[in-house]
Amino acid sequence: MHKRRTIVIIDEELDYCRLLKRYFKKRQYSIYIAHNINDGTRLIAAKQPDVLFLDNQLPDGSGWLLGPEIAANYPKTFIVLNSALPVAIPAMPATANYQVLSKPVSLAALENLFGK
């Protein structure tokens, strides 16, 4: 049986989460959303996603600061660091599989990363 790919989105912007959910639902992904770091880290541990969208500015802190730890603990997870503001990229492990996307993220940018 083919395993359905899983995405976790950690972002407080509801419209952005809806956009990503709609885009990936059409592509048969299972999508889970959290709006803060605390709930997001629990989701990551429970779902061990194939893809993680991680916003920088969250209500309870900087999501990007978790990037290196997540990359080390979940090496198979592709991490998409996204932010509306220019931010220094954290020191990610050499083996980290990640990409930085600036908000607003266009559908064309998503298609470049994930295909049509």
Protein backbone atom coordinates (compact mmCIF):
# COMPACT_ATOMS: atom_id res chain seq x y z
CA MET A 1 0.00 0.00 0.00
CA HIS A 2 1.32 3.47 -0.94
CA LYS A 3 1.95 5.72 2.05
CA ARG A 4 0.29 9.09 1.74
CA ARG A 5 2.78 11.95 2.05
CA THR A 6 2.37 14.13 5.11
CA ILE A 7 2.81 17.87 5.57
CA VAL A 8 2.90 19.84 8.81
CA ILE A 9 2.41 23.60 8.57
CA ILE A 10 3.39 25.77 11.53
CA ASP A 11 2.16 29.28 10.84
CA GLU A 12 -0.21 31.72 12.56
CA GLU A 13 -1.54 33.24 9.32
CA LEU A 14 -4.87 31.52 8.66
CA ASP A 15 -5.14 32.55 4.99
CA TYR A 16 -1.64 31.27 4.27
CA CYS A 17 -2.46 27.95 5.93
CA ARG A 18 -5.66 27.67 3.87
CA LEU A 19 -3.74 28.37 0.66
CA LEU A 20 -1.18 25.66 1.42
CA LYS A 21 -3.85 23.21 2.55
CA ARG A 22 -5.85 23.69 -0.65
CA TYR A 23 -2.74 23.35 -2.83
CA PHE A 24 -1.49 20.15 -1.18
CA LYS A 25 -4.88 18.52 -0.63
CA LYS A 26 -5.33 18.48 -4.42
CA ARG A 27 -2.01 16.61 -4.58
CA GLN A 28 -3.17 13.94 -2.13
CA TYR A 29 -1.08 15.01 0.88
CA SER A 30 -2.27 14.62 4.46
CA ILE A 31 -2.06 18.11 5.98
CA TYR A 32 -1.77 19.06 9.65
CA ILE A 33 -1.67 22.65 10.87
CA ALA A 34 -0.46 24.31 14.06
CA HIS A 35 -0.41 28.02 14.80
CA ASN A 36 2.36 28.09 17.40
CA ILE A 37 5.63 26.35 18.24
CA ASN A 38 4.26 24.33 21.15
CA ASP A 39 1.47 22.68 19.13
CA GLY A 40 3.72 22.43 16.08
CA THR A 41 6.47 20.48 17.82
CA ARG A 42 3.89 18.01 19.11
CA LEU A 43 2.55 17.57 15.58
CA ILE A 44 6.03 16.99 14.18
CA ALA A 45 6.72 14.30 16.78
CA ALA A 46 3.36 12.61 16.18
CA LYS A 47 3.28 12.78 12.37
CA GLN A 48 7.00 12.80 11.43
CA PRO A 49 6.12 14.68 8.25
CA ASP A 50 7.67 14.38 4.82
CA VAL A 51 7.45 18.17 4.52
CA LEU A 52 7.41 20.90 7.17
CA PHE A 53 6.48 24.53 6.49
CA LEU A 54 7.97 26.54 9.36
CA ASP A 55 7.26 30.23 9.81
CA ASN A 56 9.78 32.41 11.61
CA GLN A 57 7.58 34.78 13.60
CA LEU A 58 5.12 32.82 15.68
CA PRO A 59 3.13 33.94 18.73
CA ASP A 60 5.37 31.95 21.09
CA GLY A 61 8.77 32.60 19.50
CA SER A 62 10.96 32.19 16.44
CA GLY A 63 10.10 29.05 14.53
CA TRP A 64 13.32 29.18 12.54
CA LEU A 65 15.36 28.66 15.69
CA LEU A 66 13.89 25.15 15.77
CA GLY A 67 15.07 24.40 12.23
CA PRO A 68 18.47 22.91 13.12
CA GLU A 69 17.01 20.69 15.85
CA ILE A 70 14.19 19.48 13.62
CA ALA A 71 16.64 18.78 10.78
CA ALA A 72 18.85 16.76 13.14
CA ASN A 73 15.98 14.80 14.72
CA TYR A 74 13.96 14.25 11.52
CA PRO A 75 16.53 13.98 8.71
CA LYS A 76 13.97 12.73 6.17
CA THR A 77 11.77 15.82 6.60
CA PHE A 78 12.08 18.49 3.92
CA ILE A 79 11.90 21.82 5.79
CA VAL A 80 10.55 24.94 4.13
CA LEU A 81 11.57 27.98 6.16
CA ASN A 82 9.26 30.86 5.31
CA SER A 83 9.00 34.44 6.46
CA ALA A 84 7.59 37.75 5.28
CA LEU A 85 10.61 39.58 6.67
CA PRO A 86 14.26 39.17 5.76
CA VAL A 87 15.77 36.98 8.46
CA ALA A 88 19.17 35.39 8.93
CA ILE A 89 18.99 31.68 8.13
CA PRO A 90 19.87 29.58 11.16
CA ALA A 91 22.96 27.38 11.03
CA MET A 92 21.40 24.23 9.65
CA PRO A 93 23.19 20.86 9.80
CA ALA A 94 25.19 20.06 6.68
CA THR A 95 22.83 17.18 5.91
CA ALA A 96 19.66 19.25 6.32
CA ASN A 97 17.18 19.14 3.49
CA TYR A 98 15.64 22.61 3.46
CA GLN A 99 14.62 25.59 1.36
CA VAL A 100 13.86 29.21 2.23
CA LEU A 101 10.73 30.79 0.73
CA SER A 102 9.80 34.43 1.21
CA LYS A 103 6.18 35.32 1.83
CA PRO A 104 4.00 35.82 0.04
CA VAL A 105 4.64 32.43 -1.51
CA SER A 106 3.36 32.10 -5.05
CA LEU A 107 1.83 28.98 -6.52
CA ALA A 108 4.63 29.05 -9.09
CA ALA A 109 7.20 28.80 -6.27
CA LEU A 110 5.33 25.82 -4.80
CA GLU A 111 5.21 24.13 -8.21
CA ASN A 112 8.96 24.68 -8.62
CA LEU A 113 9.55 22.86 -5.32
CA PHE A 114 6.87 20.18 -5.47
CA GLY A 115 5.89 19.83 -9.13
CA LYS A 116 2.47 20.26 -10.66
